C-alpha cells in the first residue's frame, strides 16, 4: 500500500472515531493503547498506529468541541500534518 493510500485509510478511521466517540472516550482509549490494554475504540495490533490514529481523532474532536465542523477539523488536521512533514524535509 502506498503512503498516500495508507494516509487516506487513516483519515477515514480518524473521521469515524471523531464522529462516534466523545473526547473523553477517545482519551481513555488513547491511554489504554499506551498501556497496551485492549482498546474498545480501535482494534489494531500495532500500538504505534493505534496511538497515532487516536491522537489525531482526539485533535479533531477537540476542534469540533470548539465549534468547527468535522470537515473543517479534518482540513485543519491535514494542514498541520503537511506543515510538520514540510519541516522534516
PDB file of N, CA and C in Angstrom:
ATOM      1  N   UNK A   1       0.850  -1.182   0.000  1.00  0.00           N
ATOM      2  CA  UNK A   1       0.000   0.000   0.000  1.00  0.00           C
ATOM      3  C   UNK A   1       0.890   1.238   0.000  1.00  0.00           C
ATOM      4  N   UNK A   2       0.583   2.219  -0.838  1.00  0.00           N
ATOM      5  CA  UNK A   2       1.375   3.435  -0.917  1.00  0.00           C
ATOM      6  C   UNK A   2       1.127   4.298   0.315  1.00  0.00           C
ATOM      7  N   UNK A   3       2.055   5.244   0.567  1.00  0.00           N
ATOM      8  CA  UNK A   3       1.894   6.144   1.708  1.00  0.00           C
ATOM      9  C   UNK A   3       0.609   6.949   1.595  1.00  0.00           C
ATOM     10  N   UNK A   4       0.272   7.374   0.372  1.00  0.00           N
ATOM     11  CA  UNK A   4      -0.946   8.148   0.154  1.00  0.00           C
ATOM     12  C   UNK A   4      -2.195   7.319   0.460  1.00  0.00           C
ATOM     13  N   UNK A   5      -2.216   6.078   0.010  1.00  0.00           N
ATOM     14  CA  UNK A   5      -3.366   5.202   0.283  1.00  0.00           C
ATOM     15  C   UNK A   5      -3.465   4.915   1.772  1.00  0.00           C
ATOM     16  N   UNK A   6      -2.319   4.716   2.418  1.00  0.00           N
ATOM     17  CA  UNK A   6      -2.290   4.472   3.869  1.00  0.00           C
ATOM     18  C   UNK A   6      -2.838   5.691   4.609  1.00  0.00           C
ATOM     19  N   UNK A   7      -2.425   6.892   4.193  1.00  0.00           N
ATOM     20  CA  UNK A   7      -2.894   8.125   4.825  1.00  0.00           C
ATOM     21  C   UNK A   7      -4.401   8.287   4.658  1.00  0.00           C
ATOM     22  N   UNK A   8      -4.931   7.985   3.457  1.00  0.00           N
ATOM     23  CA  UNK A   8      -6.363   8.071   3.220  1.00  0.00           C
ATOM     24  C   UNK A   8      -7.132   7.135   4.148  1.00  0.00           C
ATOM     25  N   UNK A   9      -6.596   5.931   4.353  1.00  0.00           N
ATOM     26  CA  UNK A   9      -7.218   4.972   5.253  1.00  0.00           C
ATOM     27  C   UNK A   9      -7.245   5.523   6.676  1.00  0.00           C
ATOM     28  N   UNK A  10      -6.132   6.104   7.095  1.00  0.00           N
ATOM     29  CA  UNK A  10      -6.079   6.677   8.442  1.00  0.00           C
ATOM     30  C   UNK A  10      -7.075   7.824   8.594  1.00  0.00           C
ATOM     31  N   UNK A  11      -7.208   8.654   7.582  1.00  0.00           N
ATOM     32  CA  UNK A  11      -8.142   9.775   7.667  1.00  0.00           C
ATOM     33  C   UNK A  11      -9.574   9.286   7.808  1.00  0.00           C
ATOM     34  N   UNK A  12      -9.927   8.225   7.124  1.00  0.00           N
ATOM     35  CA  UNK A  12     -11.275   7.659   7.262  1.00  0.00           C
ATOM     36  C   UNK A  12     -11.485   7.140   8.682  1.00  0.00           C
ATOM     37  N   UNK A  13     -10.470   6.501   9.254  1.00  0.00           N
ATOM     38  CA  UNK A  13     -10.564   5.992  10.619  1.00  0.00           C
ATOM     39  C   UNK A  13     -10.678   7.141  11.617  1.00  0.00           C
ATOM     40  N   UNK A  14      -9.898   8.183  11.402  1.00  0.00           N
ATOM     41  CA  UNK A  14      -9.931   9.358  12.290  1.00  0.00           C
ATOM     42  C   UNK A  14     -11.309  10.000  12.251  1.00  0.00           C
ATOM     43  N   UNK A  15     -11.833  10.177  11.049  1.00  0.00           N
ATOM     44  CA  UNK A  15     -13.172  10.785  10.879  1.00  0.00           C
ATOM     45  C   UNK A  15     -14.226   9.966  11.624  1.00  0.00           C
ATOM     46  N   UNK A  16     -14.178   8.648  11.457  1.00  0.00           N
ATOM     47  CA  UNK A  16     -15.155   7.770  12.101  1.00  0.00           C
ATOM     48  C   UNK A  16     -15.047   7.844  13.629  1.00  0.00           C
ATOM     49  N   UNK A  17     -13.835   7.805  14.144  1.00  0.00           N
ATOM     50  CA  UNK A  17     -13.641   7.865  15.597  1.00  0.00           C
ATOM     51  C   UNK A  17     -14.135   9.189  16.171  1.00  0.00           C
ATOM     52  N   UNK A  18     -13.824  10.294  15.473  1.00  0.00           N
ATOM     53  CA  UNK A  18     -14.242  11.616  15.954  1.00  0.00           C
ATOM     54  C   UNK A  18     -15.754  11.755  15.954  1.00  0.00           C
ATOM     55  N   UNK A  19     -16.424  11.093  15.030  1.00  0.00           N
ATOM     56  CA  UNK A  19     -17.884  11.141  14.992  1.00  0.00           C
ATOM     57  C   UNK A  19     -18.496  10.224  16.044  1.00  0.00           C
ATOM     58  N   UNK A  20     -17.920   9.070  16.231  1.00  0.00           N
ATOM     59  CA  UNK A  20     -18.523   8.028  17.056  1.00  0.00           C
ATOM     60  C   UNK A  20     -18.334   8.244  18.559  1.00  0.00           C
ATOM     61  N   UNK A  21     -17.168   8.713  18.980  1.00  0.00           N
ATOM     62  CA  UNK A  21     -16.841   8.740  20.407  1.00  0.00           C
ATOM     63  C   UNK A  21     -16.697  10.160  20.944  1.00  0.00           C
ATOM     64  N   UNK A  22     -16.947  10.286  22.230  1.00  0.00           N
ATOM     65  CA  UNK A  22     -16.743  11.566  22.905  1.00  0.00           C
ATOM     66  C   UNK A  22     -15.248  11.803  23.087  1.00  0.00           C
ATOM     67  N   UNK A  23     -14.877  13.041  23.375  1.00  0.00           N
ATOM     68  CA  UNK A  23     -13.468  13.366  23.622  1.00  0.00           C
ATOM     69  C   UNK A  23     -12.926  12.557  24.793  1.00  0.00           C
ATOM     70  N   UNK A  24     -13.750  12.375  25.808  1.00  0.00           N
ATOM     71  CA  UNK A  24     -13.318  11.621  26.992  1.00  0.00           C
ATOM     72  C   UNK A  24     -13.058  10.154  26.648  1.00  0.00           C
ATOM     73  N   UNK A  25     -13.910   9.575  25.811  1.00  0.00           N
ATOM     74  CA  UNK A  25     -13.737   8.177  25.431  1.00  0.00           C
ATOM     75  C   UNK A  25     -12.490   8.003  24.572  1.00  0.00           C
ATOM     76  N   UNK A  26     -12.251   8.943  23.671  1.00  0.00           N
ATOM     77  CA  UNK A  26     -11.046   8.874  22.846  1.00  0.00           C
ATOM     78  C   UNK A  26      -9.808   8.960  23.729  1.00  0.00           C
ATOM     79  N   UNK A  27      -9.821   9.852  24.696  1.00  0.00           N
ATOM     80  CA  UNK A  27      -8.690   9.974  25.634  1.00  0.00           C
ATOM     81  C   UNK A  27      -8.495   8.681  26.403  1.00  0.00           C
ATOM     82  N   UNK A  28      -9.573   8.089  26.870  1.00  0.00           N
ATOM     83  CA  UNK A  28      -9.479   6.816  27.605  1.00  0.00           C
ATOM     84  C   UNK A  28      -8.888   5.730  26.705  1.00  0.00           C
ATOM     85  N   UNK A  29      -9.329   5.662  25.468  1.00  0.00           N
ATOM     86  CA  UNK A  29      -8.802   4.669  24.527  1.00  0.00           C
ATOM     87  C   UNK A  29      -7.329   4.914  24.244  1.00  0.00           C
ATOM     88  N   UNK A  30      -6.946   6.176  24.151  1.00  0.00           N
ATOM     89  CA  UNK A  30      -5.551   6.524  23.930  1.00  0.00           C
ATOM     90  C   UNK A  30      -4.692   6.049  25.099  1.00  0.00           C
ATOM     91  N   UNK A  31      -5.171   6.270  26.311  1.00  0.00           N
ATOM     92  CA  UNK A  31      -4.438   5.819  27.494  1.00  0.00           C
ATOM     93  C   UNK A  31      -4.340   4.292  27.526  1.00  0.00           C
ATOM     94  N   UNK A  32      -5.410   3.618  27.143  1.00  0.00           N
ATOM     95  CA  UNK A  32      -5.388   2.154  27.112  1.00  0.00           C
ATOM     96  C   UNK A  32      -4.396   1.656  26.067  1.00  0.00           C
ATOM     97  N   UNK A  33      -4.338   2.328  24.926  1.00  0.00           N
ATOM     98  CA  UNK A  33      -3.389   1.929  23.883  1.00  0.00           C
ATOM     99  C   UNK A  33      -1.957   2.115  24.360  1.00  0.00           C
ATOM    100  N   UNK A  34      -1.706   3.226  25.042  1.00  0.00           N
ATOM    101  CA  UNK A  34      -0.356   3.484  25.545  1.00  0.00           C
ATOM    102  C   UNK A  34       0.079   2.450  26.572  1.00  0.00           C
ATOM    103  N   UNK A  35      -0.867   1.946  27.348  1.00  0.00           N
ATOM    104  CA  UNK A  35      -0.528   0.923  28.344  1.00  0.00           C
ATOM    105  C   UNK A  35      -0.755  -0.487  27.791  1.00  0.00           C
ATOM    106  N   UNK A  36      -0.966  -0.570  26.475  1.00  0.00           N
ATOM    107  CA  UNK A  36      -1.123  -1.828  25.742  1.00  0.00           C
ATOM    108  C   UNK A  36      -2.249  -2.700  26.293  1.00  0.00           C
ATOM    109  N   UNK A  37      -3.348  -2.049  26.660  1.00  0.00           N
ATOM    110  CA  UNK A  37      -4.548  -2.751  27.091  1.00  0.00           C
ATOM    111  C   UNK A  37      -5.490  -2.877  25.903  1.00  0.00           C
ATOM    112  N   UNK A  38      -6.462  -3.786  26.024  1.00  0.00           N
ATOM    113  CA  UNK A  38      -7.474  -3.929  24.980  1.00  0.00           C
ATOM    114  C   UNK A  38      -8.178  -2.588  24.799  1.00  0.00           C
ATOM    115  N   UNK A  39      -8.457  -2.273  23.558  1.00  0.00           N
ATOM    116  CA  UNK A  39      -8.962  -0.957  23.240  1.00  0.00           C
ATOM    117  C   UNK A  39     -10.335  -1.041  22.574  1.00  0.00           C
ATOM    118  N   UNK A  40     -11.384  -0.487  23.192  1.00  0.00           N
ATOM    119  CA  UNK A  40     -12.723  -0.568  22.607  1.00  0.00           C
ATOM    120  C   UNK A  40     -12.943   0.366  21.408  1.00  0.00           C
ATOM    121  N   UNK A  41     -12.078   1.370  21.228  1.00  0.00           N
ATOM    122  CA  UNK A  41     -12.272   2.333  20.145  1.00  0.00           C
ATOM    123  C   UNK A  41     -11.654   1.887  18.832  1.00  0.00           C
ATOM    124  N   UNK A  42     -10.518   1.236  18.911  1.00  0.00           N
ATOM    125  CA  UNK A  42      -9.742   0.993  17.702  1.00  0.00           C
ATOM    126  C   UNK A  42      -9.004  -0.313  17.859  1.00  0.00           C
ATOM    127  N   UNK A  43      -9.260  -1.239  16.966  1.00  0.00           N
ATOM    128  CA  UNK A  43      -8.697  -2.579  17.061  1.00  0.00           C
ATOM    129  C   UNK A  43      -7.574  -2.752  16.046  1.00  0.00           C
ATOM    130  N   UNK A  44      -6.352  -2.771  16.533  1.00  0.00           N
ATOM    131  CA  UNK A  44      -5.196  -2.999  15.680  1.00  0.00           C
ATOM    132  C   UNK A  44      -4.078  -3.505  16.567  1.00  0.00           C
ATOM    133  N   UNK A  45      -3.211  -4.319  16.016  1.00  0.00           N
ATOM    134  CA  UNK A  45      -2.117  -4.884  16.795  1.00  0.00           C
ATOM    135  C   UNK A  45      -0.935  -3.935  16.950  1.00  0.00           C
ATOM    136  N   UNK A  46      -0.800  -2.974  16.057  1.00  0.00           N
ATOM    137  CA  UNK A  46       0.334  -2.067  16.093  1.00  0.00           C
ATOM    138  C   UNK A  46       0.034  -0.879  17.015  1.00  0.00           C
ATOM    139  N   UNK A  47       0.672  -0.861  18.170  1.00  0.00           N
ATOM    140  CA  UNK A  47       0.418   0.186  19.165  1.00  0.00           C
ATOM    141  C   UNK A  47       0.710   1.564  18.591  1.00  0.00           C
ATOM    142  N   UNK A  48       1.792   1.691  17.838  1.00  0.00           N
ATOM    143  CA  UNK A  48       2.151   2.994  17.276  1.00  0.00           C
ATOM    144  C   UNK A  48       1.041   3.528  16.366  1.00  0.00           C
ATOM    145  N   UNK A  49       0.463   2.653  15.545  1.00  0.00           N
ATOM    146  CA  UNK A  49      -0.627   3.073  14.654  1.00  0.00           C
ATOM    147  C   UNK A  49      -1.853   3.468  15.460  1.00  0.00           C
ATOM    148  N   UNK A  50      -2.192   2.675  16.464  1.00  0.00           N
ATOM    149  CA  UNK A  50      -3.362   2.960  17.296  1.00  0.00           C
ATOM    150  C   UNK A  50      -3.215   4.321  17.959  1.00  0.00           C
ATOM    151  N   UNK A  51      -2.057   4.564  18.565  1.00  0.00           N
ATOM    152  CA  UNK A  51      -1.812   5.831  19.256  1.00  0.00           C
ATOM    153  C   UNK A  51      -1.871   6.997  18.266  1.00  0.00           C
ATOM    154  N   UNK A  52      -1.276   6.821  17.084  1.00  0.00           N
ATOM    155  CA  UNK A  52      -1.281   7.878  16.072  1.00  0.00           C
ATOM    156  C   UNK A  52      -2.703   8.232  15.651  1.00  0.00           C
ATOM    157  N   UNK A  53      -3.484   7.220  15.318  1.00  0.00           N
ATOM    158  CA  UNK A  53      -4.855   7.458  14.857  1.00  0.00           C
ATOM    159  C   UNK A  53      -5.712   8.065  15.971  1.00  0.00           C
ATOM    160  N   UNK A  54      -5.596   7.531  17.185  1.00  0.00           N
ATOM    161  CA  UNK A  54      -6.401   8.052  18.290  1.00  0.00           C
ATOM    162  C   UNK A  54      -5.999   9.483  18.653  1.00  0.00           C
ATOM    163  N   UNK A  55      -4.720   9.793  18.617  1.00  0.00           N
ATOM    164  CA  UNK A  55      -4.276  11.159  18.926  1.00  0.00           C
ATOM    165  C   UNK A  55      -4.826  12.145  17.895  1.00  0.00           C
ATOM    166  N   UNK A  56      -4.835  11.745  16.632  1.00  0.00           N
ATOM    167  CA  UNK A  56      -5.388  12.614  15.590  1.00  0.00           C
ATOM    168  C   UNK A  56      -6.898  12.756  15.749  1.00  0.00           C
ATOM    169  N   UNK A  57      -7.570  11.672  16.101  1.00  0.00           N
ATOM    170  CA  UNK A  57      -9.015  11.746  16.332  1.00  0.00           C
ATOM    171  C   UNK A  57      -9.317  12.650  17.527  1.00  0.00           C
ATOM    172  N   UNK A  58      -8.477  12.583  18.541  1.00  0.00           N
ATOM    173  CA  UNK A  58      -8.647  13.450  19.712  1.00  0.00           C
ATOM    174  C   UNK A  58      -8.497  14.917  19.315  1.00  0.00           C
ATOM    175  N   UNK A  59      -7.526  15.228  18.459  1.00  0.00           N
ATOM    176  CA  UNK A  59      -7.331  16.592  17.977  1.00  0.00           C
ATOM    177  C   UNK A  59      -8.562  17.071  17.205  1.00  0.00           C
ATOM    178  N   UNK A  60      -9.055  16.226  16.297  1.00  0.00           N
ATOM    179  CA  UNK A  60     -10.242  16.577  15.503  1.00  0.00           C
ATOM    180  C   UNK A  60     -11.443  16.809  16.423  1.00  0.00           C
ATOM    181  N   UNK A  61     -11.626  15.927  17.390  1.00  0.00           N
ATOM    182  CA  UNK A  61     -12.757  16.060  18.314  1.00  0.00           C
ATOM    183  C   UNK A  61     -12.642  17.345  19.125  1.00  0.00           C
ATOM    184  N   UNK A  62     -11.437  17.720  19.517  1.00  0.00           N
ATOM    185  CA  UNK A  62     -11.277  18.960  20.290  1.00  0.00           C
ATOM    186  C   UNK A  62     -11.651  20.171  19.449  1.00  0.00           C
ATOM    187  N   UNK A  63     -11.305  20.160  18.162  1.00  0.00           N
ATOM    188  CA  UNK A  63     -11.710  21.265  17.295  1.00  0.00           C
ATOM    189  C   UNK A  63     -13.221  21.299  17.111  1.00  0.00           C
ATOM    190  N   UNK A  64     -13.832  20.115  17.014  1.00  0.00           N
ATOM    191  CA  UNK A  64     -15.285  20.052  16.881  1.00  0.00           C
ATOM    192  C   UNK A  64     -15.970  20.597  18.130  1.00  0.00           C
ATOM    193  N   UNK A  65     -15.383  20.330  19.291  1.00  0.00           N
ATOM    194  CA  UNK A  65     -15.991  20.836  20.528  1.00  0.00           C
ATOM    195  C   UNK A  65     -15.846  22.353  20.644  1.00  0.00           C
ATOM    196  N   UNK A  66     -14.952  22.926  19.843  1.00  0.00           N
ATOM    197  CA  UNK A  66     -14.784  24.385  19.800  1.00  0.00           C
ATOM    198  C   UNK A  66     -15.674  25.031  18.745  1.00  0.00           C
ATOM    199  N   UNK A  67     -16.502  24.197  18.070  1.00  0.00           N
ATOM    200  CA  UNK A  67     -17.461  24.737  17.123  1.00  0.00           C
ATOM    201  C   UNK A  67     -17.144  24.498  15.659  1.00  0.00           C
ATOM    202  N   UNK A  68     -16.014  23.892  15.357  1.00  0.00           N
ATOM    203  CA  UNK A  68     -15.697  23.597  13.960  1.00  0.00           C
ATOM    204  C   UNK A  68     -16.504  22.386  13.497  1.00  0.00           C
ATOM    205  N   UNK A  69     -16.809  22.337  12.222  1.00  0.00           N
ATOM    206  CA  UNK A  69     -17.468  21.165  11.664  1.00  0.00           C
ATOM    207  C   UNK A  69     -16.432  20.061  11.522  1.00  0.00           C
ATOM    208  N   UNK A  70     -16.904  18.851  11.296  1.00  0.00           N
ATOM    209  CA  UNK A  70     -15.993  17.731  11.092  1.00  0.00           C
ATOM    210  C   UNK A  70     -15.085  18.006   9.896  1.00  0.00           C
ATOM    211  N   UNK A  71     -15.632  18.512   8.819  1.00  0.00           N
ATOM    212  CA  UNK A  71     -14.836  18.813   7.617  1.00  0.00           C
ATOM    213  C   UNK A  71     -13.771  19.861   7.901  1.00  0.00           C
ATOM    214  N   UNK A  72     -14.143  20.906   8.613  1.00  0.00           N
ATOM    215  CA  UNK A  72     -13.173  21.945   8.957  1.00  0.00           C
ATOM    216  C   UNK A  72     -12.055  21.384   9.836  1.00  0.00           C
ATOM    217  N   UNK A  73     -12.425  20.552  10.803  1.00  0.00           N
ATOM    218  CA  UNK A  73     -11.443  19.967  11.710  1.00  0.00           C
ATOM    219  C   UNK A  73     -10.507  19.029  10.957  1.00  0.00           C
ATOM    220  N   UNK A  74     -11.042  18.253  10.027  1.00  0.00           N
ATOM    221  CA  UNK A  74     -10.205  17.346   9.238  1.00  0.00           C
ATOM    222  C   UNK A  74      -9.249  18.135   8.344  1.00  0.00           C
ATOM    223  N   UNK A  75      -9.712  19.228   7.770  1.00  0.00           N
ATOM    224  CA  UNK A  75      -8.829  20.066   6.950  1.00  0.00           C
ATOM    225  C   UNK A  75      -7.705  20.667   7.793  1.00  0.00           C
ATOM    226  N   UNK A  76      -8.045  21.101   9.001  1.00  0.00           N
ATOM    227  CA  UNK A  76      -7.024  21.667   9.885  1.00  0.00           C
ATOM    228  C   UNK A  76      -5.999  20.600  10.271  1.00  0.00           C
ATOM    229  N   UNK A  77      -6.458  19.393  10.544  1.00  0.00           N
ATOM    230  CA  UNK A  77      -5.539  18.293  10.834  1.00  0.00           C
ATOM    231  C   UNK A  77      -4.606  18.070   9.652  1.00  0.00           C
ATOM    232  N   UNK A  78      -5.153  18.002   8.453  1.00  0.00           N
ATOM    233  CA  UNK A  78      -4.333  17.812   7.260  1.00  0.00           C
ATOM    234  C   UNK A  78      -3.319  18.926   7.073  1.00  0.00           C
ATOM    235  N   UNK A  79      -3.750  20.158   7.308  1.00  0.00           N
ATOM    236  CA  UNK A  79      -2.844  21.314   7.183  1.00  0.00           C
ATOM    237  C   UNK A  79      -1.680  21.178   8.152  1.00  0.00           C
ATOM    238  N   UNK A  80      -1.969  20.801   9.382  1.00  0.00           N
ATOM    239  CA  UNK A  80      -0.911  20.667  10.382  1.00  0.00           C
ATOM    240  C   UNK A  80       0.025  19.497  10.088  1.00  0.00           C
ATOM    241  N   UNK A  81      -0.527  18.412   9.594  1.00  0.00           N
ATOM    242  CA  UNK A  81       0.313  17.264   9.235  1.00  0.00           C
ATOM    243  C   UNK A  81       1.267  17.658   8.114  1.00  0.00           C
ATOM    244  N   UNK A  82       0.745  18.353   7.100  1.00  0.00           N
ATOM    245  CA  UNK A  82       1.604  18.782   5.995  1.00  0.00           C
ATOM    246  C   UNK A  82       2.676  19.757   6.465  1.00  0.00           C
ATOM    247  N   UNK A  83       2.338  20.641   7.393  1.00  0.00           N
ATOM    248  CA  UNK A  83       3.323  21.597   7.915  1.00  0.00           C
ATOM    249  C   UNK A  83       4.466  20.854   8.625  1.00  0.00           C
ATOM    250  N   UNK A  84       4.146  19.860   9.390  1.00  0.00           N
ATOM    251  CA  UNK A  84       5.170  19.076  10.091  1.00  0.00           C
ATOM    252  C   UNK A  84       6.010  18.302   9.085  1.00  0.00           C
ATOM    253  N   UNK A  85       5.380  17.712   8.085  1.00  0.00           N
ATOM    254  CA  UNK A  85       6.109  16.968   7.051  1.00  0.00           C
ATOM    255  C   UNK A  85       7.069  17.880   6.289  1.00  0.00           C
ATOM    256  N   UNK A  86       6.633  19.113   6.027  1.00  0.00           N
ATOM    257  CA  UNK A  86       7.495  20.068   5.321  1.00  0.00           C
ATOM    258  C   UNK A  86       8.683  20.468   6.185  1.00  0.00           C
ATOM    259  N   UNK A  87       8.496  20.548   7.480  1.00  0.00           N
ATOM    260  CA  UNK A  87       9.610  20.873   8.382  1.00  0.00           C
ATOM    261  C   UNK A  87      10.653  19.747   8.405  1.00  0.00           C
ATOM    262  N   UNK A  88      10.167  18.528   8.248  1.00  0.00           N
ATOM    263  CA  UNK A  88      11.059  17.370   8.314  1.00  0.00           C
ATOM    264  C   UNK A  88      11.889  17.206   7.043  1.00  0.00           C
ATOM    265  N   UNK A  89      11.529  17.880   5.984  1.00  0.00           N
ATOM    266  CA  UNK A  89      12.241  17.736   4.704  1.00  0.00           C
ATOM    267  C   UNK A  89      13.525  18.508   4.686  1.00  0.00           C
TER     268      UNK A  89
END
